[in-house]
C-alpha atoms as a PDB file:
ATOM      1  CA  MET A   1       7.780  68.234  89.048  1.00  0.00           C
ATOM      2  CA  ALA A   2       8.517  71.723  90.372  1.00  0.00           C
ATOM      3  CA  GLN A   3       6.500  72.740  93.408  1.00  0.00           C
ATOM      4  CA  VAL A   4       4.343  75.816  92.842  1.00  0.00           C
ATOM      5  CA  TRP A   5       3.831  78.476  95.492  1.00  0.00           C
ATOM      6  CA  ARG A   6       1.247  81.243  95.642  1.00  0.00           C
ATOM      7  CA  CYS A   7       2.238  84.313  97.607  1.00  0.00           C
ATOM      8  CA  LYS A   8      -0.358  85.977  99.842  1.00  0.00           C
ATOM      9  CA  GLY A   9       1.791  89.030 100.469  1.00  0.00           C
ATOM     10  CA  LEU A  10       4.078  90.460 103.115  1.00  0.00           C
ATOM     11  CA  ARG A  11       2.922  90.742 106.730  1.00  0.00           C
ATOM     12  CA  TRP A  12       4.524  92.314 109.772  1.00  0.00           C
ATOM     13  CA  ALA A  13       4.619  89.994 112.789  1.00  0.00           C
ATOM     14  CA  GLY A  14       5.424  92.487 115.512  1.00  0.00           C
ATOM     15  CA  ARG A  15       8.413  94.294 114.005  1.00  0.00           C
ATOM     16  CA  GLU A  16       9.469  91.308 111.867  1.00  0.00           C
ATOM     17  CA  PRO A  17       8.562  91.044 108.147  1.00  0.00           C
ATOM     18  CA  VAL A  18       7.414  87.682 106.755  1.00  0.00           C
ATOM     19  CA  LEU A  19       6.194  86.527 103.351  1.00  0.00           C
ATOM     20  CA  THR A  20       3.016  84.463 103.591  1.00  0.00           C
ATOM     21  CA  TRP A  21       1.935  81.678 101.250  1.00  0.00           C
ATOM     22  CA  ASP A  22      -1.229  79.740 100.472  1.00  0.00           C
ATOM     23  CA  GLY A  23      -1.508  76.788 102.805  1.00  0.00           C
ATOM     24  CA  GLY A  24      -0.501  78.749 105.884  1.00  0.00           C
ATOM     25  CA  ARG A  25       3.276  78.710 105.457  1.00  0.00           C
ATOM     26  CA  SER A  26       5.427  81.771 105.907  1.00  0.00           C
ATOM     27  CA  SER A  27       9.027  82.780 105.191  1.00  0.00           C
ATOM     28  CA  ALA A  28      11.005  84.962 107.582  1.00  0.00           C
ATOM     29  CA  LEU A  29      12.956  87.808 105.973  1.00  0.00           C
ATOM     30  CA  PRO A  30      16.188  88.393 107.914  1.00  0.00           C
ATOM     31  CA  TRP A  31      18.792  90.781 106.506  1.00  0.00           C
ATOM     32  CA  GLY A  32      21.222  88.977 104.207  1.00  0.00           C
ATOM     33  CA  LYS A  33      18.645  86.386 103.133  1.00  0.00           C
ATOM     34  CA  GLN A  34      18.910  85.358  99.501  1.00  0.00           C
ATOM     35  CA  VAL A  35      15.488  85.998  97.949  1.00  0.00           C
ATOM     36  CA  ALA A  36      15.191  83.915  94.793  1.00  0.00           C
ATOM     37  CA  PHE A  37      12.133  82.938  92.790  1.00  0.00           C
ATOM     38  CA  ALA A  38      10.891  82.469  89.254  1.00  0.00           C
ATOM     39  CA  VAL A  39       7.442  83.083  87.784  1.00  0.00           C
ATOM     40  CA  VAL A  40       5.995  79.938  86.240  1.00  0.00           C
ATOM     41  CA  GLY A  41       6.277  80.195  82.479  1.00  0.00           C
ATOM     42  CA  GLY A  42       3.176  80.211  80.308  1.00  0.00           C
ATOM     43  CA  GLY A  43       0.885  81.206  83.161  1.00  0.00           C
ATOM     44  CA  GLU A  44      -1.287  84.227  83.857  1.00  0.00           C
ATOM     45  CA  ARG A  45      -1.711  86.319  86.950  1.00  0.00           C
ATOM     46  CA  ARG A  46      -5.057  85.579  88.560  1.00  0.00           C
ATOM     47  CA  CYS A  47      -7.299  87.678  90.799  1.00  0.00           C
ATOM     48  CA  VAL A  48      -6.700  87.000  94.504  1.00  0.00           C
ATOM     49  CA  GLY A  49     -10.360  87.554  95.450  1.00  0.00           C
ATOM     50  CA  ALA A  50     -11.645  89.742  98.266  1.00  0.00           C
ATOM     51  CA  ARG A  51     -12.485  89.603 101.958  1.00  0.00           C
ATOM     52  CA  GLY A  52     -11.156  86.061 102.280  1.00  0.00           C
ATOM     53  CA  HIS A  53     -13.126  84.699  99.320  1.00  0.00           C
ATOM     54  CA  SER A  54     -11.705  83.415  96.037  1.00  0.00           C
ATOM     55  CA  CYS A  55     -12.539  85.212  92.806  1.00  0.00           C
ATOM     56  CA  PHE A  56     -15.643  83.575  91.366  1.00  0.00           C
ATOM     57  CA  ALA A  57     -14.456  84.133  87.788  1.00  0.00           C
ATOM     58  CA  GLY A  58     -10.777  83.348  88.344  1.00  0.00           C
ATOM     59  CA  ALA A  59     -10.151  86.488  86.291  1.00  0.00           C
ATOM     60  CA  ALA A  60      -6.786  87.425  84.810  1.00  0.00           C
ATOM     61  CA  VAL A  61      -5.327  90.695  86.153  1.00  0.00           C
ATOM     62  CA  SER A  62      -2.592  93.083  85.056  1.00  0.00           C
ATOM     63  CA  GLY A  63       0.956  92.353  86.135  1.00  0.00           C
ATOM     64  CA  ARG A  64       1.323  95.983  87.193  1.00  0.00           C
ATOM     65  CA  SER A  65      -1.618  95.998  89.602  1.00  0.00           C
ATOM     66  CA  VAL A  66      -0.552  96.125  93.255  1.00  0.00           C
ATOM     67  CA  GLY A  67      -4.052  95.035  94.285  1.00  0.00           C
ATOM     68  CA  ALA A  68      -4.130  91.912  92.080  1.00  0.00           C
ATOM     69  CA  ARG A  69      -7.951  92.059  91.961  1.00  0.00           C
ATOM     70  CA  CYS A  70     -10.438  92.155  89.114  1.00  0.00           C
ATOM     71  CA  GLU A  71     -12.992  94.986  88.976  1.00  0.00           C
ATOM     72  CA  GLU A  72     -15.713  93.007  90.748  1.00  0.00           C
ATOM     73  CA  CYS A  73     -13.462  91.860  93.598  1.00  0.00           C
ATOM     74  CA  SER A  74     -12.033  95.375  93.929  1.00  0.00           C
ATOM     75  CA  ARG A  75     -15.552  96.738  94.408  1.00  0.00           C
ATOM     76  CA  LEU A  76     -16.295  94.084  97.017  1.00  0.00           C
ATOM     77  CA  ASP A  77     -13.083  94.843  98.881  1.00  0.00           C
ATOM     78  CA  ARG A  78     -13.729  98.583  98.884  1.00  0.00           C
ATOM     79  CA  ALA A  79     -17.333  98.083  99.999  1.00  0.00           C
ATOM     80  CA  HIS A  80     -16.060  96.722 103.310  1.00  0.00           C
ATOM     81  CA  SER A  81     -13.086  99.019 103.750  1.00  0.00           C
ATOM     82  CA  VAL A  82     -12.575 101.496 106.577  1.00  0.00           C
ATOM     83  CA  ALA A  83      -9.980 103.244 104.415  1.00  0.00           C
ATOM     84  CA  ALA A  84     -12.640 103.881 101.768  1.00  0.00           C
ATOM     85  CA  ASP A  85     -14.937 105.407 104.397  1.00  0.00           C
ATOM     86  CA  THR A  86     -17.695 102.922 103.625  1.00  0.00           C
ATOM     87  CA  ILE A  87     -18.175 101.648 107.190  1.00  0.00           C
ATOM     88  CA  ALA A  88     -19.785 103.952 109.754  1.00  0.00           C
ATOM     89  CA  ASP A  89     -20.905 101.541 112.474  1.00  0.00           C
ATOM     90  CA  ASP A  90     -17.637  99.813 113.420  1.00  0.00           C
ATOM     91  CA  PRO A  91     -17.759  99.694 117.256  1.00  0.00           C
ATOM     92  CA  ARG A  92     -13.989  99.365 117.699  1.00  0.00           C
ATOM     93  CA  PRO A  93     -11.919 102.317 118.972  1.00  0.00           C
ATOM     94  CA  TYR A  94      -9.593 103.953 116.465  1.00  0.00           C
ATOM     95  CA  SER A  95      -6.299 105.818 116.721  1.00  0.00           C
ATOM     96  CA  VAL A  96      -5.368 108.909 114.723  1.00  0.00           C
ATOM     97  CA  TYR A  97      -1.682 109.203 113.822  1.00  0.00           C
ATOM     98  CA  LEU A  98       0.929 111.337 112.080  1.00  0.00           C
ATOM     99  CA  ALA A  99       3.319 109.268 109.930  1.00  0.00           C
ATOM    100  CA  TRP A 100       6.704 110.575 108.727  1.00  0.00           C
ATOM    101  CA  PHE A 101       8.330 109.175 105.567  1.00  0.00           C
ATOM    102  CA  GLY A 102      10.956 111.821 104.859  1.00  0.00           C
ATOM    103  CA  PRO A 103      11.536 115.588 105.108  1.00  0.00           C
ATOM    104  CA  GLY A 104       8.244 117.329 104.350  1.00  0.00           C
ATOM    105  CA  MET A 105       6.548 113.956 103.784  1.00  0.00           C
ATOM    106  CA  VAL A 106       4.035 113.569 106.601  1.00  0.00           C
ATOM    107  CA  LYS A 107       0.521 112.142 106.394  1.00  0.00           C
ATOM    108  CA  VAL A 108      -2.379 111.788 108.790  1.00  0.00           C
ATOM    109  CA  GLY A 109      -4.374 108.584 109.073  1.00  0.00           C
ATOM    110  CA  ILE A 110      -6.406 106.311 111.311  1.00  0.00           C
ATOM    111  CA  THR A 111      -6.094 102.674 112.353  1.00  0.00           C
ATOM    112  CA  ALA A 112      -7.947 100.358 114.714  1.00  0.00           C
ATOM    113  CA  VAL A 113      -6.463 100.513 118.224  1.00  0.00           C
ATOM    114  CA  GLU A 114      -6.289  96.717 118.343  1.00  0.00           C
ATOM    115  CA  ARG A 115      -3.836  96.718 115.402  1.00  0.00           C
ATOM    116  CA  GLY A 116      -1.235  98.723 117.292  1.00  0.00           C
ATOM    117  CA  SER A 117       1.493 100.032 114.951  1.00  0.00           C
ATOM    118  CA  ALA A 118       0.989  97.344 112.267  1.00  0.00           C
ATOM    119  CA  ARG A 119      -0.581  99.827 109.841  1.00  0.00           C
ATOM    120  CA  LEU A 120       2.431 102.135 110.153  1.00  0.00           C
ATOM    121  CA  LEU A 121       4.848  99.290 109.406  1.00  0.00           C
ATOM    122  CA  GLU A 122       2.727  98.223 106.427  1.00  0.00           C
ATOM    123  CA  GLN A 123       2.903 101.725 104.958  1.00  0.00           C
ATOM    124  CA  GLY A 124       6.644 102.057 105.444  1.00  0.00           C
ATOM    125  CA  ALA A 125       6.414 104.937 107.937  1.00  0.00           C
ATOM    126  CA  VAL A 126       9.930 105.713 109.131  1.00  0.00           C
ATOM    127  CA  ALA A 127       8.581 107.425 112.253  1.00  0.00           C
ATOM    128  CA  PHE A 128       5.180 108.251 113.722  1.00  0.00           C
ATOM    129  CA  THR A 129       3.285 109.553 116.714  1.00  0.00           C
ATOM    130  CA  TRP A 130      -0.259 109.015 117.929  1.00  0.00           C
ATOM    131  CA  LEU A 131      -2.566 112.040 118.008  1.00  0.00           C
ATOM    132  CA  GLY A 132      -5.855 110.784 119.413  1.00  0.00           C
ATOM    133  CA  ARG A 133      -8.088 107.833 120.181  1.00  0.00           C
ATOM    134  CA  GLY A 134     -11.846 107.325 120.078  1.00  0.00           C
ATOM    135  CA  PRO A 135     -14.866 106.080 118.058  1.00  0.00           C
ATOM    136  CA  LEU A 136     -14.487 105.605 114.312  1.00  0.00           C
ATOM    137  CA  MET A 137     -16.539 108.587 113.155  1.00  0.00           C
ATOM    138  CA  SER A 138     -14.814 110.913 115.645  1.00  0.00           C
ATOM    139  CA  ALA A 139     -11.458 109.678 114.367  1.00  0.00           C
ATOM    140  CA  ARG A 140     -12.667 110.292 110.792  1.00  0.00           C
ATOM    141  CA  ARG A 141     -13.728 113.870 111.583  1.00  0.00           C
ATOM    142  CA  SER A 142     -10.434 114.651 113.295  1.00  0.00           C
ATOM    143  CA  GLU A 143      -8.519 113.178 110.345  1.00  0.00           C
ATOM    144  CA  GLU A 144     -10.280 115.577 107.967  1.00  0.00           C
ATOM    145  CA  LEU A 145      -9.743 118.486 110.371  1.00  0.00           C
ATOM    146  CA  LEU A 146      -6.022 117.797 110.597  1.00  0.00           C
ATOM    147  CA  ARG A 147      -5.552 117.331 106.863  1.00  0.00           C
ATOM    148  CA  THR A 148      -7.017 120.764 106.244  1.00  0.00           C
ATOM    149  CA  ALA A 149      -5.492 122.622 109.176  1.00  0.00           C
ATOM    150  CA  LEU A 150      -1.985 121.153 108.909  1.00  0.00           C
ATOM    151  CA  GLY A 151      -1.895 120.942 105.127  1.00  0.00           C
ATOM    152  CA  VAL A 152      -0.873 117.277 105.151  1.00  0.00           C
ATOM    153  CA  PRO A 153      -2.253 114.543 102.865  1.00  0.00           C
ATOM    154  CA  ASP A 154      -3.790 111.183 103.720  1.00  0.00           C
ATOM    155  CA  ARG A 155      -1.657 109.434 101.082  1.00  0.00           C
ATOM    156  CA  ILE A 156       1.967 109.591  99.959  1.00  0.00           C
ATOM    157  CA  ALA A 157       3.077 107.813  96.793  1.00  0.00           C
ATOM    158  CA  TYR A 158       5.357 104.822  97.244  1.00  0.00           C
ATOM    159  CA  ASP A 159       7.846 106.100  94.675  1.00  0.00           C
ATOM    160  CA  ALA A 160       8.252 109.234  96.797  1.00  0.00           C
ATOM    161  CA  LYS A 161       8.847 107.131  99.915  1.00  0.00           C
ATOM    162  CA  ARG A 162      11.392 104.918  98.131  1.00  0.00           C
ATOM    163  CA  ALA A 163      13.334 107.844  96.727  1.00  0.00           C
ATOM    164  CA  VAL A 164      14.355 109.175 100.158  1.00  0.00           C
ATOM    165  CA  ARG A 165      14.952 106.017 102.229  1.00  0.00           C
ATOM    166  CA  SER A 166      18.706 105.953 101.634  1.00  0.00           C
ATOM    167  CA  ALA A 167      19.217 109.657 102.462  1.00  0.00           C
ATOM    168  CA  LEU A 168      17.170 110.303 105.593  1.00  0.00           C
ATOM    169  CA  PRO A 169      18.124 112.973 108.153  1.00  0.00           C
ATOM    170  CA  GLU A 170      19.189 111.929 111.639  1.00  0.00           C
ATOM    171  CA  VAL A 171      16.578 110.894 114.193  1.00  0.00           C
ATOM    172  CA  PRO A 172      16.487 114.282 116.021  1.00  0.00           C
ATOM    173  CA  ALA A 173      15.479 116.039 112.788  1.00  0.00           C
ATOM    174  CA  ARG A 174      12.660 113.535 112.183  1.00  0.00           C
ATOM    175  CA  VAL A 175      11.420 113.856 115.733  1.00  0.00           C
ATOM    176  CA  ALA A 176      11.493 117.653 115.588  1.00  0.00           C
ATOM    177  CA  GLU A 177       9.320 117.747 112.453  1.00  0.00           C
ATOM    178  CA  ILE A 178       6.582 115.493 113.796  1.00  0.00           C
ATOM    179  CA  ARG A 179       6.799 117.084 117.262  1.00  0.00           C
ATOM    180  CA  GLY A 180       6.011 120.465 115.736  1.00  0.00           C
ATOM    181  CA  LEU A 181       3.056 119.087 113.800  1.00  0.00           C
ATOM    182  CA  HIS A 182       1.780 117.232 116.860  1.00  0.00           C
ATOM    183  CA  ALA A 183       1.859 120.438 118.899  1.00  0.00           C
ATOM    184  CA  ARG A 184      -0.094 122.287 116.220  1.00  0.00           C
ATOM    185  CA  ALA A 185      -2.577 119.435 115.923  1.00  0.00           C
ATOM    186  CA  VAL A 186      -3.496 119.049 119.587  1.00  0.00           C
ATOM    187  CA  GLY A 187      -3.827 122.829 119.892  1.00  0.00           C
ATOM    188  CA  LEU A 188      -6.509 123.066 117.226  1.00  0.00           C
ATOM    189  CA  ASP A 189     -10.111 123.898 117.996  1.00  0.00           C
ATOM    190  CA  GLY A 190     -12.808 121.652 116.600  1.00  0.00           C
ATOM    191  CA  TRP A 191     -11.627 118.273 117.851  1.00  0.00           C
ATOM    192  CA  PRO A 192     -14.574 115.893 118.414  1.00  0.00           C
ATOM    193  CA  ASP A 193     -15.426 115.666 122.121  1.00  0.00           C
ATOM    194  CA  ALA A 194     -15.337 111.861 121.999  1.00  0.00           C
ATOM    195  CA  LEU A 195     -11.735 111.788 120.811  1.00  0.00           C
ATOM    196  CA  GLU A 196      -9.045 111.558 123.494  1.00  0.00           C
ATOM    197  CA  ARG A 197      -5.931 113.526 122.568  1.00  0.00           C
ATOM    198  CA  MET A 198      -2.710 111.549 122.963  1.00  0.00           C
ATOM    199  CA  PRO A 199       0.647 112.917 124.210  1.00  0.00           C
ATOM    200  CA  PHE A 200       3.584 113.167 121.824  1.00  0.00           C
ATOM    201  CA  GLU A 201       5.684 110.004 121.672  1.00  0.00           C
ATOM    202  CA  ALA A 202       7.800 109.431 118.594  1.00  0.00           C
ATOM    203  CA  VAL A 203       8.284 105.828 117.423  1.00  0.00           C
ATOM    204  CA  ASP A 204      11.089 105.163 114.925  1.00  0.00           C
ATOM    205  CA  HIS A 205      11.231 102.182 112.538  1.00  0.00           C
ATOM    206  CA  THR A 206      14.785 102.602 111.216  1.00  0.00           C
ATOM    207  CA  ASP A 207      16.011  99.412 112.885  1.00  0.00           C
ATOM    208  CA  ALA A 208      12.880  97.420 112.015  1.00  0.00           C
ATOM    209  CA  PHE A 209      13.265  98.355 108.337  1.00  0.00           C
ATOM    210  CA  GLY A 210      17.073  98.064 108.201  1.00  0.00           C
ATOM    211  CA  LEU A 211      17.545 101.586 106.860  1.00  0.00           C
ATOM    212  CA  ASP A 212      20.892 102.447 108.463  1.00  0.00           C
ATOM    213  CA  GLY A 213      23.459 102.616 105.679  1.00  0.00           C
ATOM    214  CA  LEU A 214      20.911 101.620 103.048  1.00  0.00           C
ATOM    215  CA  PRO A 215      22.400 101.984  99.529  1.00  0.00           C
ATOM    216  CA  SER A 216      20.444 104.026  97.020  1.00  0.00           C
ATOM    217  CA  ALA A 217      18.187 101.944  94.807  1.00  0.00           C
ATOM    218  CA  VAL A 218      18.857 101.991  91.077  1.00  0.00           C
ATOM    219  CA  ALA A 219      15.478 100.637  89.935  1.00  0.00           C
ATOM    220  CA  VAL A 220      12.046  99.353  90.935  1.00  0.00           C
ATOM    221  CA  VAL A 221      10.415  96.191  89.596  1.00  0.00           C
ATOM    222  CA  GLY A 222       7.535  97.307  87.385  1.00  0.00           C
ATOM    223  CA  GLU A 223       5.797  93.936  87.068  1.00  0.00           C
ATOM    224  CA  LEU A 224       6.408  90.212  87.070  1.00  0.00           C
ATOM    225  CA  VAL A 225       6.140  88.217  83.848  1.00  0.00           C
ATOM    226  CA  PRO A 226       5.981  84.480  83.031  1.00  0.00           C
ATOM    227  CA  GLY A 227       9.476  82.989  83.111  1.00  0.00           C
ATOM    228  CA  GLY A 228      10.945  86.013  84.882  1.00  0.00           C
ATOM    229  CA  VAL A 229      13.450  85.625  87.726  1.00  0.00           C
ATOM    230  CA  VAL A 230      14.074  87.810  90.772  1.00  0.00           C
ATOM    231  CA  ARG A 231      17.159  86.993  92.808  1.00  0.00           C
ATOM    232  CA  GLY A 232      19.122  89.120  95.230  1.00  0.00           C
ATOM    233  CA  GLU A 233      20.343  89.652  98.783  1.00  0.00           C
ATOM    234  CA  LEU A 234      17.857  91.293 101.133  1.00  0.00           C
ATOM    235  CA  VAL A 235      19.277  94.527 102.564  1.00  0.00           C
ATOM    236  CA  ALA A 236      16.090  96.229 103.840  1.00  0.00           C
ATOM    237  CA  VAL A 237      12.311  95.836 104.074  1.00  0.00           C
ATOM    238  CA  ALA A 238      10.021  98.862 104.407  1.00  0.00           C
ATOM    239  CA  GLY A 239       6.260  98.540 104.126  1.00  0.00           C
ATOM    240  CA  PRO A 240       5.655  96.032 101.292  1.00  0.00           C
ATOM    241  CA  ASP A 241       9.031  96.744  99.660  1.00  0.00           C
ATOM    242  CA  LEU A 242      12.030  94.422  99.553  1.00  0.00           C
ATOM    243  CA  HIS A 243      15.344  96.169  98.822  1.00  0.00           C
ATOM    244  CA  LEU A 244      17.497  93.557  97.065  1.00  0.00           C
ATOM    245  CA  ARG A 245      21.200  93.803  96.255  1.00  0.00           C
ATOM    246  CA  THR A 246      21.679  92.482  92.717  1.00  0.00           C
ATOM    247  CA  GLY A 247      24.497  92.464  90.196  1.00  0.00           C
ATOM    248  CA  ARG A 248      23.122  95.751  88.883  1.00  0.00           C
ATOM    249  CA  GLY A 249      22.742  97.432  92.277  1.00  0.00           C
ATOM    250  CA  VAL A 250      19.866  97.636  94.753  1.00  0.00           C
ATOM    251  CA  VAL A 251      16.483  96.939  93.149  1.00  0.00           C
ATOM    252  CA  VAL A 252      13.176  97.449  94.980  1.00  0.00           C
ATOM    253  CA  LEU A 253      10.479  94.780  94.720  1.00  0.00           C
ATOM    254  CA  ASP A 254       6.967  95.658  95.890  1.00  0.00           C
ATOM    255  CA  THR A 255       5.762  92.297  97.219  1.00  0.00           C
ATOM    256  CA  ARG A 256       2.182  93.179  96.292  1.00  0.00           C
ATOM    257  CA  LEU A 257       3.253  92.440  92.701  1.00  0.00           C
ATOM    258  CA  MET A 258       3.949  88.812  93.701  1.00  0.00           C
ATOM    259  CA  THR A 259       0.356  87.969  94.611  1.00  0.00           C
ATOM    260  CA  GLY A 260      -1.759  86.193  92.004  1.00  0.00           C
ATOM    261  CA  TRP A 261       1.220  84.535  90.301  1.00  0.00           C
ATOM    262  CA  GLU A 262       2.414  80.936  90.469  1.00  0.00           C
ATOM    263  CA  LEU A 263       6.022  81.007  91.690  1.00  0.00           C
ATOM    264  CA  THR A 264       8.801  78.464  92.088  1.00  0.00           C
ATOM    265  CA  GLY A 265      12.179  78.473  93.794  1.00  0.00           C
ATOM    266  CA  VAL A 266      14.958  79.335  91.371  1.00  0.00           C
ATOM    267  CA  THR A 267      16.685  76.018  92.054  1.00  0.00           C
ATOM    268  CA  GLU A 268      13.530  74.248  90.877  1.00  0.00           C
ATOM    269  CA  VAL A 269      13.888  75.762  87.431  1.00  0.00           C
ATOM    270  CA  ALA A 270      17.091  73.802  87.040  1.00  0.00           C
ATOM    271  CA  GLY A 271      15.493  70.734  88.626  1.00  0.00           C
ATOM    272  CA  GLN A 272      17.749  70.931  91.693  1.00  0.00           C
ATOM    273  CA  GLY A 273      15.262  71.217  94.539  1.00  0.00           C
ATOM    274  CA  ASP A 274      11.788  71.929  95.762  1.00  0.00           C
ATOM    275  CA  GLY A 275      12.319  74.632  98.365  1.00  0.00           C
ATOM    276  CA  GLU A 276       9.951  77.536  98.661  1.00  0.00           C
ATOM    277  CA  PRO A 277      10.751  80.692  96.665  1.00  0.00           C
ATOM    278  CA  GLY A 278      13.580  82.561  98.313  1.00  0.00           C
ATOM    279  CA  GLU A 279      14.453  79.665 100.603  1.00  0.00           C
ATOM    280  CA  ARG A 280      17.146  78.049  98.473  1.00  0.00           C
ATOM    281  CA  GLY A 281      19.355  78.881  95.572  1.00  0.00           C
ATOM    282  CA  ALA A 282      21.464  81.900  94.608  1.00  0.00           C
ATOM    283  CA  ARG A 283      23.490  81.749  97.812  1.00  0.00           C
ATOM    284  CA  GLY A 284      26.745  83.476  97.186  1.00  0.00           C
ATOM    285  CA  GLY A 285      25.783  83.975  93.560  1.00  0.00           C
ATOM    286  CA  ARG A 286      25.258  87.169  91.631  1.00  0.00           C
ATOM    287  CA  GLY A 287      21.720  88.479  91.950  1.00  0.00           C
ATOM    288  CA  GLU A 288      19.723  88.811  88.782  1.00  0.00           C
ATOM    289  CA  VAL A 289      16.409  90.376  87.837  1.00  0.00           C
ATOM    290  CA  THR A 290      14.921  89.363  84.487  1.00  0.00           C
ATOM    291  CA  VAL A 291      11.552  91.105  84.789  1.00  0.00           C
ATOM    292  CA  PRO A 292      10.687  94.628  83.589  1.00  0.00           C
ATOM    293  CA  VAL A 293      12.024  97.391  85.819  1.00  0.00           C
ATOM    294  CA  ARG A 294      11.890 101.153  85.807  1.00  0.00           C
ATOM    295  CA  GLU A 295      14.671 103.386  86.972  1.00  0.00           C
ATOM    296  CA  PHE A 296      14.059 106.179  89.433  1.00  0.00           C
ATOM    297  CA  GLY A 297      13.113 109.202  87.372  1.00  0.00           C
ATOM    298  CA  GLY A 298      12.581 107.255  84.150  1.00  0.00           C
ATOM    299  CA  VAL A 299      11.459 104.085  82.403  1.00  0.00           C
ATOM    300  CA  GLN A 300      13.757 101.316  81.223  1.00  0.00           C
ATOM    301  CA  ASP A 301      12.723  99.391  78.134  1.00  0.00           C
ATOM    302  CA  GLY A 302      13.414  95.679  78.119  1.00  0.00           C
ATOM    303  CA  LEU A 303      14.802  93.462  80.847  1.00  0.00           C
ATOM    304  CA  PHE A 304      17.941  93.201  82.960  1.00  0.00           C
END
């Protein structure tokens, strides 16, 4: 009988991406790895729960949801989320940062100091610099100040990030853009007294993501479906996105779409093994994607 795996998502261990699975196992994602898995046929995608707890109802969720949570679990998750500004008494210190994703694509945000740069890796920030450090509410106030004064958002759509990854300017141009914004930011009046301003120090994630020489993507996986297969050679990982070389070209898979599904290794479908998804099979073979995809700038009907 084929072994079933449940993906818990992609995590960054230092500057190394890994896929995590129920049961505590993880799969390293080195460049050139053959990622290959199939969605168990006849199944449904189930809510992943919230805050470490399983979904009480075991509710079915949409294949297109990157959160993979039902309405009730989504409310519970947001109720305990710093990002949703629902926690005011967190005693931990927080950092304020500027994250760069491409020309003119800069956002401001905050993250717990203890997390280091993990949040920036998770978002797919190509480069970033710290701006300040202090208590949560001071960091929140400075974030709002900077968004207004610098005219930068606190969110950038993933499709926008993906569209520019293969055509980024050289490092000096990236550094110059965030250096200019950093200088404007630290020179503003109205910073909370409790927030320590941080000196400019650009950190670049090009090597961590594998972006040098990255081919342009031709499509993005829109959702997984029962019986669907995703198979390709890993050429880059940025944030939650796997860039996979397939027979069609490079296809981007947001690993958040994998959570909530029962998955098997592709070799298991043919009864040839019981390795974890992506661990065996498809080596040297032509990559294939038989789940719905959408092309950049449009929608593709049907499957590969």
